Amino acid sequence: YSDGTTHYADSVKGRFTISRDNAKNTLYLQMNSLKPEDTALY
């Protein structure tokens, strides 16, 4: 959300981190401990 509150799908919880840098108008997704089932177009 705009206030920084984050939510995750159960399938990625604990492994992925979403963040934003409003000064750069950029959204990020840090993905750790990747699994084959994470294969997708993001």
PDB file of all heavy atoms in Angstrom:
ATOM      1  N   TYR A   1       0.822  -1.184   0.000  1.00  0.00           N
ATOM      2  CA  TYR A   1       0.000   0.000   0.000  1.00  0.00           C
ATOM      3  C   TYR A   1       0.869   1.252   0.000  1.00  0.00           C
ATOM      4  O   TYR A   1       2.079   1.188   0.217  1.00  0.00           O
ATOM      5  CB  TYR A   1      -0.927   0.013   1.211  1.00  0.00           C
ATOM      6  CG  TYR A   1      -2.090  -0.939   1.114  1.00  0.00           C
ATOM      7  CD1 TYR A   1      -2.157  -2.075   1.916  1.00  0.00           C
ATOM      8  CD2 TYR A   1      -3.132  -0.706   0.222  1.00  0.00           C
ATOM      9  CE1 TYR A   1      -3.224  -2.946   1.836  1.00  0.00           C
ATOM     10  CE2 TYR A   1      -4.202  -1.569   0.133  1.00  0.00           C
ATOM     11  CZ  TYR A   1      -4.245  -2.693   0.947  1.00  0.00           C
ATOM     12  OH  TYR A   1      -5.313  -3.551   0.855  1.00  0.00           O
ATOM     13  N   SER A   2       0.235   2.372  -0.215  1.00  0.00           N
ATOM     14  CA  SER A   2       0.963   3.631  -0.251  1.00  0.00           C
ATOM     15  C   SER A   2       1.645   3.946   1.081  1.00  0.00           C
ATOM     16  O   SER A   2       2.662   4.640   1.099  1.00  0.00           O
ATOM     17  CB  SER A   2       0.034   4.782  -0.650  1.00  0.00           C
ATOM     18  OG  SER A   2      -1.044   4.910   0.257  1.00  0.00           O
ATOM     19  N   ASP A   3       1.098   3.433   2.182  1.00  0.00           N
ATOM     20  CA  ASP A   3       1.706   3.672   3.489  1.00  0.00           C
ATOM     21  C   ASP A   3       2.818   2.681   3.820  1.00  0.00           C
ATOM     22  O   ASP A   3       3.394   2.734   4.908  1.00  0.00           O
ATOM     23  CB  ASP A   3       0.645   3.661   4.591  1.00  0.00           C
ATOM     24  CG  ASP A   3       0.011   2.304   4.815  1.00  0.00           C
ATOM     25  OD1 ASP A   3       0.346   1.343   4.097  1.00  0.00           O
ATOM     26  OD2 ASP A   3      -0.839   2.199   5.722  1.00  0.00           O
ATOM     27  N   GLY A   4       3.105   1.771   2.902  1.00  0.00           N
ATOM     28  CA  GLY A   4       4.176   0.815   3.091  1.00  0.00           C
ATOM     29  C   GLY A   4       3.755  -0.534   3.625  1.00  0.00           C
ATOM     30  O   GLY A   4       4.581  -1.447   3.718  1.00  0.00           O
ATOM     31  N   THR A   5       2.495  -0.695   3.972  1.00  0.00           N
ATOM     32  CA  THR A   5       1.996  -1.976   4.455  1.00  0.00           C
ATOM     33  C   THR A   5       2.093  -3.018   3.353  1.00  0.00           C
ATOM     34  O   THR A   5       1.688  -2.763   2.216  1.00  0.00           O
ATOM     35  CB  THR A   5       0.534  -1.853   4.910  1.00  0.00           C
ATOM     36  OG1 THR A   5       0.439  -0.846   5.923  1.00  0.00           O
ATOM     37  CG2 THR A   5       0.036  -3.173   5.469  1.00  0.00           C
ATOM     38  N   THR A   6       2.614  -4.177   3.684  1.00  0.00           N
ATOM     39  CA  THR A   6       2.829  -5.227   2.691  1.00  0.00           C
ATOM     40  C   THR A   6       2.002  -6.468   2.982  1.00  0.00           C
ATOM     41  O   THR A   6       1.668  -6.771   4.134  1.00  0.00           O
ATOM     42  CB  THR A   6       4.309  -5.626   2.625  1.00  0.00           C
ATOM     43  OG1 THR A   6       4.737  -6.087   3.915  1.00  0.00           O
ATOM     44  CG2 THR A   6       5.165  -4.438   2.214  1.00  0.00           C
ATOM     45  N   HIS A   7       1.693  -7.192   1.915  1.00  0.00           N
ATOM     46  CA  HIS A   7       0.971  -8.452   2.012  1.00  0.00           C
ATOM     47  C   HIS A   7       1.511  -9.397   0.965  1.00  0.00           C
ATOM     48  O   HIS A   7       1.956  -8.973  -0.102  1.00  0.00           O
ATOM     49  CB  HIS A   7      -0.533  -8.240   1.811  1.00  0.00           C
ATOM     50  CG  HIS A   7      -1.160  -7.397   2.865  1.00  0.00           C
ATOM     51  ND1 HIS A   7      -1.623  -7.923   4.053  1.00  0.00           N
ATOM     52  CD2 HIS A   7      -1.402  -6.067   2.919  1.00  0.00           C
ATOM     53  CE1 HIS A   7      -2.119  -6.944   4.795  1.00  0.00           C
ATOM     54  NE2 HIS A   7      -1.998  -5.807   4.131  1.00  0.00           N
ATOM     55  N   TYR A   8       1.452 -10.685   1.279  1.00  0.00           N
ATOM     56  CA  TYR A   8       2.027 -11.689   0.409  1.00  0.00           C
ATOM     57  C   TYR A   8       1.108 -12.881   0.230  1.00  0.00           C
ATOM     58  O   TYR A   8       0.347 -13.246   1.132  1.00  0.00           O
ATOM     59  CB  TYR A   8       3.350 -12.198   0.990  1.00  0.00           C
ATOM     60  CG  TYR A   8       4.380 -11.122   1.167  1.00  0.00           C
ATOM     61  CD1 TYR A   8       4.464 -10.403   2.350  1.00  0.00           C
ATOM     62  CD2 TYR A   8       5.272 -10.815   0.143  1.00  0.00           C
ATOM     63  CE1 TYR A   8       5.408  -9.400   2.514  1.00  0.00           C
ATOM     64  CE2 TYR A   8       6.217  -9.817   0.300  1.00  0.00           C
ATOM     65  CZ  TYR A   8       6.278  -9.111   1.482  1.00  0.00           C
ATOM     66  OH  TYR A   8       7.217  -8.119   1.634  1.00  0.00           O
ATOM     67  N   ALA A   9       1.215 -13.491  -0.931  1.00  0.00           N
ATOM     68  CA  ALA A   9       0.566 -14.766  -1.139  1.00  0.00           C
ATOM     69  C   ALA A   9       1.260 -15.803  -0.268  1.00  0.00           C
ATOM     70  O   ALA A   9       2.467 -15.726  -0.029  1.00  0.00           O
ATOM     71  CB  ALA A   9       0.647 -15.172  -2.607  1.00  0.00           C
ATOM     72  N   ASP A  10       0.502 -16.774   0.205  1.00  0.00           N
ATOM     73  CA  ASP A  10       1.077 -17.801   1.065  1.00  0.00           C
ATOM     74  C   ASP A  10       2.245 -18.526   0.405  1.00  0.00           C
ATOM     75  O   ASP A  10       3.190 -18.944   1.079  1.00  0.00           O
ATOM     76  CB  ASP A  10       0.006 -18.815   1.465  1.00  0.00           C
ATOM     77  CG  ASP A  10      -0.994 -18.254   2.452  1.00  0.00           C
ATOM     78  OD1 ASP A  10      -0.705 -17.230   3.098  1.00  0.00           O
ATOM     79  OD2 ASP A  10      -2.079 -18.850   2.585  1.00  0.00           O
ATOM     80  N   SER A  11       2.195 -18.665  -0.887  1.00  0.00           N
ATOM     81  CA  SER A  11       3.213 -19.408  -1.605  1.00  0.00           C
ATOM     82  C   SER A  11       4.591 -18.750  -1.578  1.00  0.00           C
ATOM     83  O   SER A  11       5.600 -19.419  -1.798  1.00  0.00           O
ATOM     84  CB  SER A  11       2.782 -19.629  -3.059  1.00  0.00           C
ATOM     85  OG  SER A  11       2.559 -18.395  -3.712  1.00  0.00           O
ATOM     86  N   VAL A  12       4.626 -17.455  -1.305  1.00  0.00           N
ATOM     87  CA  VAL A  12       5.904 -16.746  -1.315  1.00  0.00           C
ATOM     88  C   VAL A  12       6.247 -16.122   0.025  1.00  0.00           C
ATOM     89  O   VAL A  12       7.351 -15.582   0.188  1.00  0.00           O
ATOM     90  CB  VAL A  12       5.941 -15.656  -2.405  1.00  0.00           C
ATOM     91  CG1 VAL A  12       5.584 -16.246  -3.759  1.00  0.00           C
ATOM     92  CG2 VAL A  12       5.011 -14.498  -2.058  1.00  0.00           C
ATOM     93  N   LYS A  13       5.353 -16.203   0.970  1.00  0.00           N
ATOM     94  CA  LYS A  13       5.557 -15.590   2.278  1.00  0.00           C
ATOM     95  C   LYS A  13       6.818 -16.135   2.941  1.00  0.00           C
ATOM     96  O   LYS A  13       7.033 -17.341   2.994  1.00  0.00           O
ATOM     97  CB  LYS A  13       4.337 -15.835   3.153  1.00  0.00           C
ATOM     98  CG  LYS A  13       4.248 -14.950   4.378  1.00  0.00           C
ATOM     99  CD  LYS A  13       2.886 -15.111   5.061  1.00  0.00           C
ATOM    100  CE  LYS A  13       1.754 -14.687   4.143  1.00  0.00           C
ATOM    101  NZ  LYS A  13       0.414 -14.842   4.782  1.00  0.00           N
ATOM    102  N   GLY A  14       7.632 -15.229   3.421  1.00  0.00           N
ATOM    103  CA  GLY A  14       8.879 -15.613   4.055  1.00  0.00           C
ATOM    104  C   GLY A  14      10.047 -15.705   3.106  1.00  0.00           C
ATOM    105  O   GLY A  14      11.198 -15.798   3.550  1.00  0.00           O
ATOM    106  N   ARG A  15       9.768 -15.697   1.823  1.00  0.00           N
ATOM    107  CA  ARG A  15      10.827 -15.797   0.824  1.00  0.00           C
ATOM    108  C   ARG A  15      10.961 -14.532  -0.013  1.00  0.00           C
ATOM    109  O   ARG A  15      12.057 -14.170  -0.426  1.00  0.00           O
ATOM    110  CB  ARG A  15      10.575 -16.977  -0.112  1.00  0.00           C
ATOM    111  CG  ARG A  15      10.547 -18.328   0.594  1.00  0.00           C
ATOM    112  CD  ARG A  15      10.474 -19.477  -0.407  1.00  0.00           C
ATOM    113  NE  ARG A  15       9.255 -19.420  -1.214  1.00  0.00           N
ATOM    114  CZ  ARG A  15       9.239 -19.315  -2.543  1.00  0.00           C
ATOM    115  NH1 ARG A  15      10.377 -19.255  -3.226  1.00  0.00           N
ATOM    116  NH2 ARG A  15       8.086 -19.289  -3.193  1.00  0.00           N
ATOM    117  N   PHE A  16       9.841 -13.883  -0.272  1.00  0.00           N
ATOM    118  CA  PHE A  16       9.830 -12.688  -1.111  1.00  0.00           C
ATOM    119  C   PHE A  16       9.577 -11.450  -0.254  1.00  0.00           C
ATOM    120  O   PHE A  16       8.870 -11.509   0.754  1.00  0.00           O
ATOM    121  CB  PHE A  16       8.725 -12.760  -2.166  1.00  0.00           C
ATOM    122  CG  PHE A  16       8.940 -13.769  -3.255  1.00  0.00           C
ATOM    123  CD1 PHE A  16       9.946 -14.721  -3.188  1.00  0.00           C
ATOM    124  CD2 PHE A  16       8.111 -13.755  -4.370  1.00  0.00           C
ATOM    125  CE1 PHE A  16      10.126 -15.653  -4.196  1.00  0.00           C
ATOM    126  CE2 PHE A  16       8.282 -14.676  -5.384  1.00  0.00           C
ATOM    127  CZ  PHE A  16       9.290 -15.631  -5.301  1.00  0.00           C
ATOM    128  N   THR A  17      10.127 -10.341  -0.687  1.00  0.00           N
ATOM    129  CA  THR A  17       9.899  -9.068  -0.025  1.00  0.00           C
ATOM    130  C   THR A  17       9.587  -8.001  -1.062  1.00  0.00           C
ATOM    131  O   THR A  17      10.379  -7.768  -1.974  1.00  0.00           O
ATOM    132  CB  THR A  17      11.123  -8.626   0.791  1.00  0.00           C
ATOM    133  OG1 THR A  17      11.453  -9.630   1.756  1.00  0.00           O
ATOM    134  CG2 THR A  17      10.830  -7.313   1.522  1.00  0.00           C
ATOM    135  N   ILE A  18       8.447  -7.376  -0.908  1.00  0.00           N
ATOM    136  CA  ILE A  18       8.082  -6.281  -1.794  1.00  0.00           C
ATOM    137  C   ILE A  18       8.435  -4.964  -1.107  1.00  0.00           C
ATOM    138  O   ILE A  18       8.281  -4.823   0.107  1.00  0.00           O
ATOM    139  CB  ILE A  18       6.582  -6.331  -2.167  1.00  0.00           C
ATOM    140  CG1 ILE A  18       6.259  -5.294  -3.245  1.00  0.00           C
ATOM    141  CG2 ILE A  18       5.698  -6.158  -0.943  1.00  0.00           C
ATOM    142  CD1 ILE A  18       4.847  -5.429  -3.818  1.00  0.00           C
ATOM    143  N   SER A  19       8.923  -4.028  -1.875  1.00  0.00           N
ATOM    144  CA  SER A  19       9.263  -2.723  -1.335  1.00  0.00           C
ATOM    145  C   SER A  19       9.098  -1.672  -2.418  1.00  0.00           C
ATOM    146  O   SER A  19       8.902  -1.994  -3.593  1.00  0.00           O
ATOM    147  CB  SER A  19      10.689  -2.717  -0.775  1.00  0.00           C
ATOM    148  OG  SER A  19      11.643  -2.982  -1.793  1.00  0.00           O
ATOM    149  N   ARG A  20       9.186  -0.439  -2.003  1.00  0.00           N
ATOM    150  CA  ARG A  20       9.048   0.639  -2.968  1.00  0.00           C
ATOM    151  C   ARG A  20       9.957   1.790  -2.601  1.00  0.00           C
ATOM    152  O   ARG A  20      10.251   2.028  -1.425  1.00  0.00           O
ATOM    153  CB  ARG A  20       7.589   1.115  -3.046  1.00  0.00           C
ATOM    154  CG  ARG A  20       7.063   1.734  -1.755  1.00  0.00           C
ATOM    155  CD  ARG A  20       5.536   1.847  -1.772  1.00  0.00           C
ATOM    156  NE  ARG A  20       5.063   2.677  -2.858  1.00  0.00           N
ATOM    157  CZ  ARG A  20       3.832   2.637  -3.368  1.00  0.00           C
ATOM    158  NH1 ARG A  20       2.944   1.770  -2.879  1.00  0.00           N
ATOM    159  NH2 ARG A  20       3.494   3.453  -4.359  1.00  0.00           N
ATOM    160  N   ASP A  21      10.410   2.502  -3.606  1.00  0.00           N
ATOM    161  CA  ASP A  21      11.189   3.707  -3.427  1.00  0.00           C
ATOM    162  C   ASP A  21      10.425   4.800  -4.156  1.00  0.00           C
ATOM    163  O   ASP A  21      10.519   4.929  -5.376  1.00  0.00           O
ATOM    164  CB  ASP A  21      12.593   3.541  -3.992  1.00  0.00           C
ATOM    165  CG  ASP A  21      13.486   4.730  -3.698  1.00  0.00           C
ATOM    166  OD1 ASP A  21      12.970   5.837  -3.457  1.00  0.00           O
ATOM    167  OD2 ASP A  21      14.720   4.559  -3.714  1.00  0.00           O
ATOM    168  N   ASN A  22       9.660   5.552  -3.398  1.00  0.00           N
ATOM    169  CA  ASN A  22       8.809   6.562  -4.011  1.00  0.00           C
ATOM    170  C   ASN A  22       9.600   7.680  -4.684  1.00  0.00           C
ATOM    171  O   ASN A  22       9.135   8.273  -5.651  1.00  0.00           O
ATOM    172  CB  ASN A  22       7.861   7.147  -2.973  1.00  0.00           C
ATOM    173  CG  ASN A  22       6.788   6.167  -2.552  1.00  0.00           C
ATOM    174  OD1 ASN A  22       6.439   5.245  -3.300  1.00  0.00           O
ATOM    175  ND2 ASN A  22       6.245   6.353  -1.356  1.00  0.00           N
ATOM    176  N   ALA A  23      10.781   7.959  -4.164  1.00  0.00           N
ATOM    177  CA  ALA A  23      11.620   8.991  -4.764  1.00  0.00           C
ATOM    178  C   ALA A  23      12.064   8.599  -6.164  1.00  0.00           C
ATOM    179  O   ALA A  23      12.339   9.455  -7.006  1.00  0.00           O
ATOM    180  CB  ALA A  23      12.826   9.277  -3.888  1.00  0.00           C
ATOM    181  N   LYS A  24      12.135   7.305  -6.406  1.00  0.00           N
ATOM    182  CA  LYS A  24      12.558   6.794  -7.703  1.00  0.00           C
ATOM    183  C   LYS A  24      11.407   6.241  -8.531  1.00  0.00           C
ATOM    184  O   LYS A  24      11.626   5.744  -9.639  1.00  0.00           O
ATOM    185  CB  LYS A  24      13.611   5.709  -7.526  1.00  0.00           C
ATOM    186  CG  LYS A  24      14.902   6.191  -6.895  1.00  0.00           C
ATOM    187  CD  LYS A  24      15.906   5.055  -6.781  1.00  0.00           C
ATOM    188  CE  LYS A  24      17.215   5.538  -6.200  1.00  0.00           C
ATOM    189  NZ  LYS A  24      18.204   4.439  -6.071  1.00  0.00           N
ATOM    190  N   ASN A  25      10.201   6.316  -8.000  1.00  0.00           N
ATOM    191  CA  ASN A  25       9.034   5.735  -8.673  1.00  0.00           C
ATOM    192  C   ASN A  25       9.296   4.285  -9.080  1.00  0.00           C
ATOM    193  O   ASN A  25       8.987   3.870 -10.197  1.00  0.00           O
ATOM    194  CB  ASN A  25       8.650   6.558  -9.916  1.00  0.00           C
ATOM    195  CG  ASN A  25       7.947   7.857  -9.572  1.00  0.00           C
ATOM    196  OD1 ASN A  25       7.665   8.651 -10.459  1.00  0.00           O
ATOM    197  ND2 ASN A  25       7.664   8.099  -8.310  1.00  0.00           N
ATOM    198  N   THR A  26       9.850   3.547  -8.145  1.00  0.00           N
ATOM    199  CA  THR A  26      10.255   2.185  -8.454  1.00  0.00           C
ATOM    200  C   THR A  26       9.720   1.196  -7.427  1.00  0.00           C
ATOM    201  O   THR A  26       9.768   1.451  -6.220  1.00  0.00           O
ATOM    202  CB  THR A  26      11.781   2.078  -8.534  1.00  0.00           C
ATOM    203  OG1 THR A  26      12.265   2.971  -9.549  1.00  0.00           O
ATOM    204  CG2 THR A  26      12.208   0.662  -8.897  1.00  0.00           C
ATOM    205  N   LEU A  27       9.235   0.090  -7.923  1.00  0.00           N
ATOM    206  CA  LEU A  27       8.755  -1.015  -7.108  1.00  0.00           C
ATOM    207  C   LEU A  27       9.747  -2.156  -7.223  1.00  0.00           C
ATOM    208  O   LEU A  27      10.284  -2.400  -8.304  1.00  0.00           O
ATOM    209  CB  LEU A  27       7.379  -1.459  -7.607  1.00  0.00           C
ATOM    210  CG  LEU A  27       6.679  -2.594  -6.867  1.00  0.00           C
ATOM    211  CD1 LEU A  27       6.175  -2.102  -5.516  1.00  0.00           C
ATOM    212  CD2 LEU A  27       5.536  -3.138  -7.718  1.00  0.00           C
ATOM    213  N   TYR A  28       9.962  -2.860  -6.122  1.00  0.00           N
ATOM    214  CA  TYR A  28      10.915  -3.956  -6.112  1.00  0.00           C
ATOM    215  C   TYR A  28      10.281  -5.241  -5.599  1.00  0.00           C
ATOM    216  O   TYR A  28       9.327  -5.215  -4.823  1.00  0.00           O
ATOM    217  CB  TYR A  28      12.106  -3.636  -5.208  1.00  0.00           C
ATOM    218  CG  TYR A  28      12.862  -2.389  -5.581  1.00  0.00           C
ATOM    219  CD1 TYR A  28      12.619  -1.188  -4.919  1.00  0.00           C
ATOM    220  CD2 TYR A  28      13.821  -2.410  -6.582  1.00  0.00           C
ATOM    221  CE1 TYR A  28      13.318  -0.039  -5.247  1.00  0.00           C
ATOM    222  CE2 TYR A  28      14.520  -1.266  -6.919  1.00  0.00           C
ATOM    223  CZ  TYR A  28      14.268  -0.089  -6.251  1.00  0.00           C
ATOM    224  OH  TYR A  28      14.970   1.057  -6.581  1.00  0.00           O
ATOM    225  N   LEU A  29      10.842  -6.337  -6.018  1.00  0.00           N
ATOM    226  CA  LEU A  29      10.488  -7.627  -5.450  1.00  0.00           C
ATOM    227  C   LEU A  29      11.776  -8.414  -5.255  1.00  0.00           C
ATOM    228  O   LEU A  29      12.390  -8.854  -6.227  1.00  0.00           O
ATOM    229  CB  LEU A  29       9.526  -8.406  -6.352  1.00  0.00           C
ATOM    230  CG  LEU A  29       9.027  -9.726  -5.776  1.00  0.00           C
ATOM    231  CD1 LEU A  29       8.125  -9.473  -4.563  1.00  0.00           C
ATOM    232  CD2 LEU A  29       8.276 -10.537  -6.833  1.00  0.00           C
ATOM    233  N   GLN A  30      12.177  -8.545  -4.011  1.00  0.00           N
ATOM    234  CA  GLN A  30      13.330  -9.358  -3.677  1.00  0.00           C
ATOM    235  C   GLN A  30      12.859 -10.789  -3.510  1.00  0.00           C
ATOM    236  O   GLN A  30      11.995 -11.070  -2.682  1.00  0.00           O
ATOM    237  CB  GLN A  30      13.989  -8.867  -2.388  1.00  0.00           C
ATOM    238  CG  GLN A  30      15.177  -9.697  -1.935  1.00  0.00           C
ATOM    239  CD  GLN A  30      16.349  -9.626  -2.887  1.00  0.00           C
ATOM    240  OE1 GLN A  30      16.723  -8.539  -3.317  1.00  0.00           O
ATOM    241  NE2 GLN A  30      16.914 -10.767  -3.230  1.00  0.00           N
ATOM    242  N   MET A  31      13.423 -11.680  -4.282  1.00  0.00           N
ATOM    243  CA  MET A  31      13.016 -13.072  -4.269  1.00  0.00           C
ATOM    244  C   MET A  31      14.184 -13.931  -3.814  1.00  0.00           C
ATOM    245  O   MET A  31      15.221 -13.983  -4.480  1.00  0.00           O
ATOM    246  CB  MET A  31      12.544 -13.509  -5.656  1.00  0.00           C
ATOM    247  CG  MET A  31      11.436 -12.641  -6.228  1.00  0.00           C
ATOM    248  SD  MET A  31      10.814 -13.270  -7.816  1.00  0.00           S
ATOM    249  CE  MET A  31      12.287 -13.055  -8.824  1.00  0.00           C
ATOM    250  N   ASN A  32      14.014 -14.584  -2.691  1.00  0.00           N
ATOM    251  CA  ASN A  32      15.029 -15.467  -2.141  1.00  0.00           C
ATOM    252  C   ASN A  32      14.507 -16.895  -2.102  1.00  0.00           C
ATOM    253  O   ASN A  32      13.308 -17.134  -2.187  1.00  0.00           O
ATOM    254  CB  ASN A  32      15.424 -15.023  -0.736  1.00  0.00           C
ATOM    255  CG  ASN A  32      16.017 -13.637  -0.689  1.00  0.00           C
ATOM    256  OD1 ASN A  32      16.706 -13.213  -1.606  1.00  0.00           O
ATOM    257  ND2 ASN A  32      15.757 -12.918   0.399  1.00  0.00           N
ATOM    258  N   SER A  33      15.419 -17.824  -1.938  1.00  0.00           N
ATOM    259  CA  SER A  33      15.064 -19.239  -1.844  1.00  0.00           C
ATOM    260  C   SER A  33      14.128 -19.658  -2.964  1.00  0.00           C
ATOM    261  O   SER A  33      13.103 -20.308  -2.742  1.00  0.00           O
ATOM    262  CB  SER A  33      14.430 -19.536  -0.481  1.00  0.00           C
ATOM    263  OG  SER A  33      15.308 -19.206   0.570  1.00  0.00           O
ATOM    264  N   LEU A  34      14.485 -19.286  -4.155  1.00  0.00           N
ATOM    265  CA  LEU A  34      13.618 -19.538  -5.300  1.00  0.00           C
ATOM    266  C   LEU A  34      13.439 -21.025  -5.574  1.00  0.00           C
ATOM    267  O   LEU A  34      14.363 -21.817  -5.413  1.00  0.00           O
ATOM    268  CB  LEU A  34      14.161 -18.837  -6.531  1.00  0.00           C
ATOM    269  CG  LEU A  34      13.904 -17.327  -6.549  1.00  0.00           C
ATOM    270  CD1 LEU A  34      14.826 -16.628  -7.530  1.00  0.00           C
ATOM    271  CD2 LEU A  34      12.441 -17.052  -6.909  1.00  0.00           C
ATOM    272  N   LYS A  35      12.236 -21.349  -5.995  1.00  0.00           N
ATOM    273  CA  LYS A  35      11.854 -22.714  -6.296  1.00  0.00           C
ATOM    274  C   LYS A  35      11.449 -22.818  -7.761  1.00  0.00           C
ATOM    275  O   LYS A  35      11.034 -21.828  -8.356  1.00  0.00           O
ATOM    276  CB  LYS A  35      10.672 -23.137  -5.424  1.00  0.00           C
ATOM    277  CG  LYS A  35      10.904 -22.998  -3.932  1.00  0.00           C
ATOM    278  CD  LYS A  35       9.631 -23.302  -3.165  1.00  0.00           C
ATOM    279  CE  LYS A  35       9.838 -23.163  -1.675  1.00  0.00           C
ATOM    280  NZ  LYS A  35       8.590 -23.439  -0.930  1.00  0.00           N
ATOM    281  N   PRO A  36      11.535 -24.000  -8.336  1.00  0.00           N
ATOM    282  CA  PRO A  36      11.100 -24.155  -9.726  1.00  0.00           C
ATOM    283  C   PRO A  36       9.674 -23.674  -9.961  1.00  0.00           C
ATOM    284  O   PRO A  36       9.379 -23.142 -11.034  1.00  0.00           O
ATOM    285  CB  PRO A  36      11.230 -25.659  -9.964  1.00  0.00           C
ATOM    286  CG  PRO A  36      12.346 -26.069  -9.067  1.00  0.00           C
ATOM    287  CD  PRO A  36      12.154 -25.232  -7.818  1.00  0.00           C
ATOM    288  N   GLU A  37       8.810 -23.845  -8.984  1.00  0.00           N
ATOM    289  CA  GLU A  37       7.432 -23.408  -9.132  1.00  0.00           C
ATOM    290  C   GLU A  37       7.262 -21.893  -9.143  1.00  0.00           C
ATOM    291  O   GLU A  37       6.169 -21.388  -9.388  1.00  0.00           O
ATOM    292  CB  GLU A  37       6.527 -24.029  -8.056  1.00  0.00           C
ATOM    293  CG  GLU A  37       7.023 -23.831  -6.636  1.00  0.00           C
ATOM    294  CD  GLU A  37       7.771 -25.041  -6.115  1.00  0.00           C
ATOM    295  OE1 GLU A  37       8.606 -25.601  -6.848  1.00  0.00           O
ATOM    296  OE2 GLU A  37       7.518 -25.440  -4.955  1.00  0.00           O
ATOM    297  N   ASP A  38       8.338 -21.172  -8.871  1.00  0.00           N
ATOM    298  CA  ASP A  38       8.308 -19.722  -8.990  1.00  0.00           C
ATOM    299  C   ASP A  38       8.497 -19.268 -10.431  1.00  0.00           C
ATOM    300  O   ASP A  38       8.378 -18.073 -10.721  1.00  0.00           O
ATOM    301  CB  ASP A  38       9.386 -19.079  -8.120  1.00  0.00           C
ATOM    302  CG  ASP A  38       9.147 -19.286  -6.641  1.00  0.00           C
ATOM    303  OD1 ASP A  38       7.995 -19.160  -6.194  1.00  0.00           O
ATOM    304  OD2 ASP A  38      10.132 -19.551  -5.919  1.00  0.00           O
ATOM    305  N   THR A  39       8.820 -20.194 -11.300  1.00  0.00           N
ATOM    306  CA  THR A  39       9.014 -19.864 -12.705  1.00  0.00           C
ATOM    307  C   THR A  39       7.740 -19.270 -13.284  1.00  0.00           C
ATOM    308  O   THR A  39       6.679 -19.885 -13.236  1.00  0.00           O
ATOM    309  CB  THR A  39       9.414 -21.106 -13.499  1.00  0.00           C
ATOM    310  OG1 THR A  39      10.689 -21.568 -13.041  1.00  0.00           O
ATOM    311  CG2 THR A  39       9.513 -20.797 -14.986  1.00  0.00           C
ATOM    312  N   ALA A  40       7.856 -18.079 -13.811  1.00  0.00           N
ATOM    313  CA  ALA A  40       6.689 -17.382 -14.337  1.00  0.00           C
ATOM    314  C   ALA A  40       7.121 -16.063 -14.961  1.00  0.00           C
ATOM    315  O   ALA A  40       8.256 -15.617 -14.795  1.00  0.00           O
ATOM    316  CB  ALA A  40       5.676 -17.105 -13.225  1.00  0.00           C
ATOM    317  N   LEU A  41       6.190 -15.461 -15.647  1.00  0.00           N
ATOM    318  CA  LEU A  41       6.357 -14.105 -16.116  1.00  0.00           C
ATOM    319  C   LEU A  41       5.821 -13.201 -15.009  1.00  0.00           C
ATOM    320  O   LEU A  41       4.656 -13.312 -14.626  1.00  0.00           O
ATOM    321  CB  LEU A  41       5.592 -13.882 -17.415  1.00  0.00           C
ATOM    322  CG  LEU A  41       5.776 -12.542 -18.114  1.00  0.00           C
ATOM    323  CD1 LEU A  41       7.225 -12.385 -18.582  1.00  0.00           C
ATOM    324  CD2 LEU A  41       4.827 -12.428 -19.299  1.00  0.00           C
ATOM    325  N   TYR A  42       6.666 -12.352 -14.495  1.00  0.00           N
ATOM    326  CA  TYR A  42       6.304 -11.498 -13.373  1.00  0.00           C
ATOM    327  C   TYR A  42       5.915 -10.103 -13.849  1.00  0.00           C
ATOM    328  O   TYR A  42       6.646  -9.475 -14.609  1.00  0.00           O
ATOM    329  CB  TYR A  42       7.464 -11.396 -12.380  1.00  0.00           C
ATOM    330  CG  TYR A  42       7.602 -12.624 -11.519  1.00  0.00           C
ATOM    331  CD1 TYR A  42       8.076 -13.821 -12.048  1.00  0.00           C
ATOM    332  CD2 TYR A  42       7.237 -12.596 -10.172  1.00  0.00           C
ATOM    333  CE1 TYR A  42       8.177 -14.956 -11.267  1.00  0.00           C
ATOM    334  CE2 TYR A  42       7.337 -13.726  -9.380  1.00  0.00           C
ATOM    335  CZ  TYR A  42       7.813 -14.902  -9.931  1.00  0.00           C
ATOM    336  OH  TYR A  42       7.920 -16.029  -9.146  1.00  0.00           O
TER     337      TYR A  42
END
